[in-house]
Amino acid sequence: MTAVTILQKSVRYDRGGKPVEVVIPYEEFLDFIETYALDLSDEEKDSIREAKADREAGRTGNFVALEDLEKDLGL
């Protein structure tokens, strides 16, 4: 389900026909917040930006290989 689909479910309008609010079920709201990373702290967002920059610059030493992670987790 896309953000537009979720938000169009229950738009409330003023008397002039201008949209003023959206009402959605709470679980869908939580899913929306999580899907679009709106629940992340500034520190978490900074870490993601740093990881993306590392990846784009080819700094692979800053990452753990999937095989190593699976081994550490016993998978």
PDB file of N, CA and C in Angstrom:
ATOM      1  N   MET A   1       0.858  -1.174   0.000  1.00  0.00           N
ATOM      2  CA  MET A   1       0.000   0.000   0.000  1.00  0.00           C
ATOM      3  C   MET A   1       0.903   1.237   0.000  1.00  0.00           C
ATOM      4  N   THR A   2       0.621   2.173  -0.879  1.00  0.00           N
ATOM      5  CA  THR A   2       1.444   3.371  -0.967  1.00  0.00           C
ATOM      6  C   THR A   2       0.963   4.428   0.012  1.00  0.00           C
ATOM      7  N   ALA A   3       1.810   5.407   0.244  1.00  0.00           N
ATOM      8  CA  ALA A   3       1.454   6.500   1.141  1.00  0.00           C
ATOM      9  C   ALA A   3       0.216   7.230   0.633  1.00  0.00           C
ATOM     10  N   VAL A   4       0.150   7.429  -0.656  1.00  0.00           N
ATOM     11  CA  VAL A   4      -1.008   8.130  -1.228  1.00  0.00           C
ATOM     12  C   VAL A   4      -2.282   7.350  -0.985  1.00  0.00           C
ATOM     13  N   THR A   5      -2.228   6.043  -1.152  1.00  0.00           N
ATOM     14  CA  THR A   5      -3.402   5.201  -0.916  1.00  0.00           C
ATOM     15  C   THR A   5      -3.850   5.314   0.528  1.00  0.00           C
ATOM     16  N   ILE A   6      -2.895   5.239   1.446  1.00  0.00           N
ATOM     17  CA  ILE A   6      -3.229   5.334   2.868  1.00  0.00           C
ATOM     18  C   ILE A   6      -3.868   6.680   3.175  1.00  0.00           C
ATOM     19  N   LEU A   7      -3.253   7.743   2.706  1.00  0.00           N
ATOM     20  CA  LEU A   7      -3.727   9.083   3.058  1.00  0.00           C
ATOM     21  C   LEU A   7      -5.046   9.447   2.402  1.00  0.00           C
ATOM     22  N   GLN A   8      -5.362   8.826   1.277  1.00  0.00           N
ATOM     23  CA  GLN A   8      -6.618   9.142   0.608  1.00  0.00           C
ATOM     24  C   GLN A   8      -7.805   8.394   1.196  1.00  0.00           C
ATOM     25  N   LYS A   9      -7.554   7.509   2.144  1.00  0.00           N
ATOM     26  CA  LYS A   9      -8.649   6.711   2.703  1.00  0.00           C
ATOM     27  C   LYS A   9      -9.717   7.564   3.364  1.00  0.00           C
ATOM     28  N   SER A  10      -9.307   8.541   4.118  1.00  0.00           N
ATOM     29  CA  SER A  10     -10.294   9.328   4.839  1.00  0.00           C
ATOM     30  C   SER A  10      -9.826  10.769   4.991  1.00  0.00           C
ATOM     31  N   VAL A  11      -9.912  11.494   3.905  1.00  0.00           N
ATOM     32  CA  VAL A  11      -9.559  12.904   3.929  1.00  0.00           C
ATOM     33  C   VAL A  11     -10.798  13.680   4.344  1.00  0.00           C
ATOM     34  N   ARG A  12     -10.609  14.612   5.254  1.00  0.00           N
ATOM     35  CA  ARG A  12     -11.712  15.469   5.684  1.00  0.00           C
ATOM     36  C   ARG A  12     -11.474  16.865   5.125  1.00  0.00           C
ATOM     37  N   TYR A  13     -12.542  17.461   4.628  1.00  0.00           N
ATOM     38  CA  TYR A  13     -12.451  18.742   3.943  1.00  0.00           C
ATOM     39  C   TYR A  13     -13.202  19.822   4.715  1.00  0.00           C
ATOM     40  N   ASP A  14     -12.761  21.068   4.530  1.00  0.00           N
ATOM     41  CA  ASP A  14     -13.509  22.171   5.123  1.00  0.00           C
ATOM     42  C   ASP A  14     -14.681  22.516   4.201  1.00  0.00           C
ATOM     43  N   ARG A  15     -15.436  23.503   4.559  1.00  0.00           N
ATOM     44  CA  ARG A  15     -16.631  23.853   3.783  1.00  0.00           C
ATOM     45  C   ARG A  15     -16.295  24.323   2.372  1.00  0.00           C
ATOM     46  N   GLY A  16     -15.087  24.797   2.182  1.00  0.00           N
ATOM     47  CA  GLY A  16     -14.672  25.251   0.856  1.00  0.00           C
ATOM     48  C   GLY A  16     -14.105  24.142  -0.009  1.00  0.00           C
ATOM     49  N   GLY A  17     -14.057  22.926   0.529  1.00  0.00           N
ATOM     50  CA  GLY A  17     -13.547  21.798  -0.224  1.00  0.00           C
ATOM     51  C   GLY A  17     -12.047  21.587  -0.112  1.00  0.00           C
ATOM     52  N   LYS A  18     -11.406  22.363   0.772  1.00  0.00           N
ATOM     53  CA  LYS A  18      -9.965  22.233   0.970  1.00  0.00           C
ATOM     54  C   LYS A  18      -9.694  21.110   1.980  1.00  0.00           C
ATOM     55  N   PRO A  19      -8.775  20.184   1.646  1.00  0.00           N
ATOM     56  CA  PRO A  19      -8.463  19.114   2.604  1.00  0.00           C
ATOM     57  C   PRO A  19      -7.809  19.703   3.864  1.00  0.00           C
ATOM     58  N   VAL A  20      -8.273  19.243   5.029  1.00  0.00           N
ATOM     59  CA  VAL A  20      -7.736  19.779   6.281  1.00  0.00           C
ATOM     60  C   VAL A  20      -7.130  18.710   7.186  1.00  0.00           C
ATOM     61  N   GLU A  21      -7.534  17.459   7.020  1.00  0.00           N
ATOM     62  CA  GLU A  21      -6.966  16.395   7.857  1.00  0.00           C
ATOM     63  C   GLU A  21      -7.234  15.041   7.230  1.00  0.00           C
ATOM     64  N   VAL A  22      -6.460  14.052   7.704  1.00  0.00           N
ATOM     65  CA  VAL A  22      -6.610  12.683   7.241  1.00  0.00           C
ATOM     66  C   VAL A  22      -6.760  11.797   8.462  1.00  0.00           C
ATOM     67  N   VAL A  23      -7.723  10.896   8.410  1.00  0.00           N
ATOM     68  CA  VAL A  23      -7.934   9.952   9.496  1.00  0.00           C
ATOM     69  C   VAL A  23      -7.691   8.553   8.944  1.00  0.00           C
ATOM     70  N   ILE A  24      -6.759   7.836   9.588  1.00  0.00           N
ATOM     71  CA  ILE A  24      -6.461   6.461   9.182  1.00  0.00           C
ATOM     72  C   ILE A  24      -6.417   5.596  10.435  1.00  0.00           C
ATOM     73  N   PRO A  25      -6.609   4.293  10.288  1.00  0.00           N
ATOM     74  CA  PRO A  25      -6.497   3.410  11.450  1.00  0.00           C
ATOM     75  C   PRO A  25      -5.102   3.510  12.067  1.00  0.00           C
ATOM     76  N   TYR A  26      -5.023   3.382  13.376  1.00  0.00           N
ATOM     77  CA  TYR A  26      -3.774   3.558  14.106  1.00  0.00           C
ATOM     78  C   TYR A  26      -2.684   2.608  13.619  1.00  0.00           C
ATOM     79  N   GLU A  27      -3.019   1.357  13.350  1.00  0.00           N
ATOM     80  CA  GLU A  27      -2.019   0.394  12.877  1.00  0.00           C
ATOM     81  C   GLU A  27      -1.429   0.830  11.538  1.00  0.00           C
ATOM     82  N   GLU A  28      -2.259   1.367  10.667  1.00  0.00           N
ATOM     83  CA  GLU A  28      -1.758   1.857   9.390  1.00  0.00           C
ATOM     84  C   GLU A  28      -0.859   3.071   9.600  1.00  0.00           C
ATOM     85  N   PHE A  29      -1.198   3.904  10.559  1.00  0.00           N
ATOM     86  CA  PHE A  29      -0.360   5.054  10.901  1.00  0.00           C
ATOM     87  C   PHE A  29       1.017   4.578  11.359  1.00  0.00           C
ATOM     88  N   LEU A  30       1.044   3.584  12.230  1.00  0.00           N
ATOM     89  CA  LEU A  30       2.325   3.058  12.712  1.00  0.00           C
ATOM     90  C   LEU A  30       3.136   2.467  11.561  1.00  0.00           C
ATOM     91  N   ASP A  31       2.474   1.730  10.681  1.00  0.00           N
ATOM     92  CA  ASP A  31       3.153   1.174   9.509  1.00  0.00           C
ATOM     93  C   ASP A  31       3.724   2.284   8.633  1.00  0.00           C
ATOM     94  N   PHE A  32       2.968   3.344   8.444  1.00  0.00           N
ATOM     95  CA  PHE A  32       3.405   4.484   7.644  1.00  0.00           C
ATOM     96  C   PHE A  32       4.647   5.121   8.258  1.00  0.00           C
ATOM     97  N   ILE A  33       4.618   5.352   9.560  1.00  0.00           N
ATOM     98  CA  ILE A  33       5.741   5.957  10.265  1.00  0.00           C
ATOM     99  C   ILE A  33       6.990   5.089  10.116  1.00  0.00           C
ATOM    100  N   GLU A  34       6.838   3.796  10.290  1.00  0.00           N
ATOM    101  CA  GLU A  34       7.981   2.887  10.201  1.00  0.00           C
ATOM    102  C   GLU A  34       8.493   2.769   8.765  1.00  0.00           C
ATOM    103  N   THR A  35       7.588   2.632   7.816  1.00  0.00           N
ATOM    104  CA  THR A  35       7.970   2.473   6.415  1.00  0.00           C
ATOM    105  C   THR A  35       8.790   3.656   5.915  1.00  0.00           C
ATOM    106  N   TYR A  36       8.420   4.840   6.299  1.00  0.00           N
ATOM    107  CA  TYR A  36       9.096   6.039   5.820  1.00  0.00           C
ATOM    108  C   TYR A  36      10.130   6.570   6.812  1.00  0.00           C
ATOM    109  N   ALA A  37      10.520   5.734   7.786  1.00  0.00           N
ATOM    110  CA  ALA A  37      11.592   6.033   8.741  1.00  0.00           C
ATOM    111  C   ALA A  37      11.357   7.329   9.514  1.00  0.00           C
ATOM    112  N   LEU A  38      10.113   7.644   9.754  1.00  0.00           N
ATOM    113  CA  LEU A  38       9.805   8.869  10.496  1.00  0.00           C
ATOM    114  C   LEU A  38      10.005   8.691  11.995  1.00  0.00           C
ATOM    115  N   ASP A  39      10.265   7.445  12.411  1.00  0.00           N
ATOM    116  CA  ASP A  39      10.443   7.162  13.833  1.00  0.00           C
ATOM    117  C   ASP A  39      11.917   7.109  14.234  1.00  0.00           C
ATOM    118  N   LEU A  40      12.815   7.425  13.310  1.00  0.00           N
ATOM    119  CA  LEU A  40      14.238   7.353  13.617  1.00  0.00           C
ATOM    120  C   LEU A  40      14.717   8.638  14.303  1.00  0.00           C
ATOM    121  N   SER A  41      15.668   8.461  15.212  1.00  0.00           N
ATOM    122  CA  SER A  41      16.259   9.618  15.872  1.00  0.00           C
ATOM    123  C   SER A  41      17.234  10.292  14.913  1.00  0.00           C
ATOM    124  N   ASP A  42      17.645  11.504  15.236  1.00  0.00           N
ATOM    125  CA  ASP A  42      18.623  12.201  14.404  1.00  0.00           C
ATOM    126  C   ASP A  42      19.934  11.422  14.353  1.00  0.00           C
ATOM    127  N   GLU A  43      20.303  10.808  15.464  1.00  0.00           N
ATOM    128  CA  GLU A  43      21.531  10.003  15.512  1.00  0.00           C
ATOM    129  C   GLU A  43      21.442   8.807  14.556  1.00  0.00           C
ATOM    130  N   GLU A  44      20.287   8.142  14.534  1.00  0.00           N
ATOM    131  CA  GLU A  44      20.104   7.007  13.633  1.00  0.00           C
ATOM    132  C   GLU A  44      20.143   7.453  12.172  1.00  0.00           C
ATOM    133  N   LYS A  45      19.523   8.589  11.880  1.00  0.00           N
ATOM    134  CA  LYS A  45      19.544   9.115  10.518  1.00  0.00           C
ATOM    135  C   LYS A  45      20.972   9.469  10.097  1.00  0.00           C
ATOM    136  N   ASP A  46      21.745  10.058  11.018  1.00  0.00           N
ATOM    137  CA  ASP A  46      23.145  10.379  10.723  1.00  0.00           C
ATOM    138  C   ASP A  46      23.941   9.110  10.432  1.00  0.00           C
ATOM    139  N   SER A  47      23.695   8.057  11.204  1.00  0.00           N
ATOM    140  CA  SER A  47      24.396   6.781  10.985  1.00  0.00           C
ATOM    141  C   SER A  47      24.076   6.205   9.614  1.00  0.00           C
ATOM    142  N   ILE A  48      22.838   6.314   9.208  1.00  0.00           N
ATOM    143  CA  ILE A  48      22.434   5.821   7.891  1.00  0.00           C
ATOM    144  C   ILE A  48      23.129   6.630   6.803  1.00  0.00           C
ATOM    145  N   ARG A  49      23.179   7.950   6.966  1.00  0.00           N
ATOM    146  CA  ARG A  49      23.863   8.792   5.972  1.00  0.00           C
ATOM    147  C   ARG A  49      25.343   8.430   5.879  1.00  0.00           C
ATOM    148  N   GLU A  50      25.975   8.207   7.022  1.00  0.00           N
ATOM    149  CA  GLU A  50      27.390   7.832   7.036  1.00  0.00           C
ATOM    150  C   GLU A  50      27.608   6.488   6.347  1.00  0.00           C
ATOM    151  N   ALA A  51      26.741   5.534   6.629  1.00  0.00           N
ATOM    152  CA  ALA A  51      26.868   4.216   6.003  1.00  0.00           C
ATOM    153  C   ALA A  51      26.687   4.323   4.493  1.00  0.00           C
ATOM    154  N   LYS A  52      25.741   5.127   4.067  1.00  0.00           N
ATOM    155  CA  LYS A  52      25.518   5.316   2.630  1.00  0.00           C
ATOM    156  C   LYS A  52      26.754   5.949   1.984  1.00  0.00           C
ATOM    157  N   ALA A  53      27.323   6.946   2.636  1.00  0.00           N
ATOM    158  CA  ALA A  53      28.527   7.594   2.104  1.00  0.00           C
ATOM    159  C   ALA A  53      29.683   6.603   2.045  1.00  0.00           C
ATOM    160  N   ASP A  54      29.832   5.776   3.079  1.00  0.00           N
ATOM    161  CA  ASP A  54      30.887   4.750   3.087  1.00  0.00           C
ATOM    162  C   ASP A  54      30.705   3.790   1.916  1.00  0.00           C
ATOM    163  N   ARG A  55      29.470   3.339   1.719  1.00  0.00           N
ATOM    164  CA  ARG A  55      29.186   2.403   0.627  1.00  0.00           C
ATOM    165  C   ARG A  55      29.495   3.026  -0.723  1.00  0.00           C
ATOM    166  N   GLU A  56      29.054   4.264  -0.921  1.00  0.00           N
ATOM    167  CA  GLU A  56      29.278   4.943  -2.196  1.00  0.00           C
ATOM    168  C   GLU A  56      30.755   5.210  -2.453  1.00  0.00           C
ATOM    169  N   ALA A  57      31.530   5.392  -1.377  1.00  0.00           N
ATOM    170  CA  ALA A  57      32.965   5.650  -1.515  1.00  0.00           C
ATOM    171  C   ALA A  57      33.778   4.361  -1.562  1.00  0.00           C
ATOM    172  N   GLY A  58      33.092   3.223  -1.443  1.00  0.00           N
ATOM    173  CA  GLY A  58      33.784   1.939  -1.515  1.00  0.00           C
ATOM    174  C   GLY A  58      34.520   1.550  -0.249  1.00  0.00           C
ATOM    175  N   ARG A  59      34.176   2.163   0.873  1.00  0.00           N
ATOM    176  CA  ARG A  59      34.813   1.829   2.147  1.00  0.00           C
ATOM    177  C   ARG A  59      34.149   0.585   2.756  1.00  0.00           C
ATOM    178  N   THR A  60      34.431  -0.557   2.168  1.00  0.00           N
ATOM    179  CA  THR A  60      33.776  -1.797   2.589  1.00  0.00           C
ATOM    180  C   THR A  60      34.272  -2.296   3.938  1.00  0.00           C
ATOM    181  N   GLY A  61      35.421  -1.816   4.380  1.00  0.00           N
ATOM    182  CA  GLY A  61      35.946  -2.234   5.675  1.00  0.00           C
ATOM    183  C   GLY A  61      35.080  -1.789   6.842  1.00  0.00           C
ATOM    184  N   ASN A  62      34.183  -0.857   6.592  1.00  0.00           N
ATOM    185  CA  ASN A  62      33.292  -0.370   7.646  1.00  0.00           C
ATOM    186  C   ASN A  62      32.038  -1.232   7.789  1.00  0.00           C
ATOM    187  N   PHE A  63      31.946  -2.302   6.990  1.00  0.00           N
ATOM    188  CA  PHE A  63      30.775  -3.160   7.010  1.00  0.00           C
ATOM    189  C   PHE A  63      31.148  -4.578   7.407  1.00  0.00           C
ATOM    190  N   VAL A  64      30.161  -5.316   7.871  1.00  0.00           N
ATOM    191  CA  VAL A  64      30.334  -6.728   8.221  1.00  0.00           C
ATOM    192  C   VAL A  64      29.787  -7.550   7.062  1.00  0.00           C
ATOM    193  N   ALA A  65      30.542  -8.540   6.638  1.00  0.00           N
ATOM    194  CA  ALA A  65      30.079  -9.414   5.555  1.00  0.00           C
ATOM    195  C   ALA A  65      28.863 -10.204   6.024  1.00  0.00           C
ATOM    196  N   LEU A  66      27.933 -10.425   5.126  1.00  0.00           N
ATOM    197  CA  LEU A  66      26.726 -11.164   5.457  1.00  0.00           C
ATOM    198  C   LEU A  66      27.061 -12.537   6.024  1.00  0.00           C
ATOM    199  N   GLU A  67      28.035 -13.202   5.430  1.00  0.00           N
ATOM    200  CA  GLU A  67      28.421 -14.528   5.907  1.00  0.00           C
ATOM    201  C   GLU A  67      28.910 -14.476   7.353  1.00  0.00           C
ATOM    202  N   ASP A  68      29.677 -13.446   7.695  1.00  0.00           N
ATOM    203  CA  ASP A  68      30.160 -13.290   9.070  1.00  0.00           C
ATOM    204  C   ASP A  68      29.015 -13.005  10.039  1.00  0.00           C
ATOM    205  N   LEU A  69      28.088 -12.192   9.606  1.00  0.00           N
ATOM    206  CA  LEU A  69      26.936 -11.869  10.445  1.00  0.00           C
ATOM    207  C   LEU A  69      26.096 -13.107  10.693  1.00  0.00           C
ATOM    208  N   GLU A  70      25.840 -13.880   9.644  1.00  0.00           N
ATOM    209  CA  GLU A  70      25.070 -15.115   9.796  1.00  0.00           C
ATOM    210  C   GLU A  70      25.783 -16.078  10.732  1.00  0.00           C
ATOM    211  N   LYS A  71      27.096 -16.149  10.614  1.00  0.00           N
ATOM    212  CA  LYS A  71      27.878 -17.035  11.483  1.00  0.00           C
ATOM    213  C   LYS A  71      27.770 -16.587  12.945  1.00  0.00           C
ATOM    214  N   ASP A  72      27.895 -15.278  13.168  1.00  0.00           N
ATOM    215  CA  ASP A  72      27.794 -14.744  14.528  1.00  0.00           C
ATOM    216  C   ASP A  72      26.404 -14.987  15.132  1.00  0.00           C
ATOM    217  N   LEU A  73      25.387 -14.945  14.276  1.00  0.00           N
ATOM    218  CA  LEU A  73      24.012 -15.153  14.749  1.00  0.00           C
ATOM    219  C   LEU A  73      23.608 -16.619  14.780  1.00  0.00           C
ATOM    220  N   GLY A  74      24.495 -17.478  14.305  1.00  0.00           N
ATOM    221  CA  GLY A  74      24.202 -18.904  14.312  1.00  0.00           C
ATOM    222  C   GLY A  74      23.186 -19.315  13.266  1.00  0.00           C
ATOM    223  N   LEU A  75      23.172 -18.603  12.161  1.00  0.00           N
ATOM    224  CA  LEU A  75      22.210 -18.924  11.093  1.00  0.00           C
ATOM    225  C   LEU A  75      22.836 -19.774  10.018  1.00  0.00           C
TER     226      LEU A  75
END
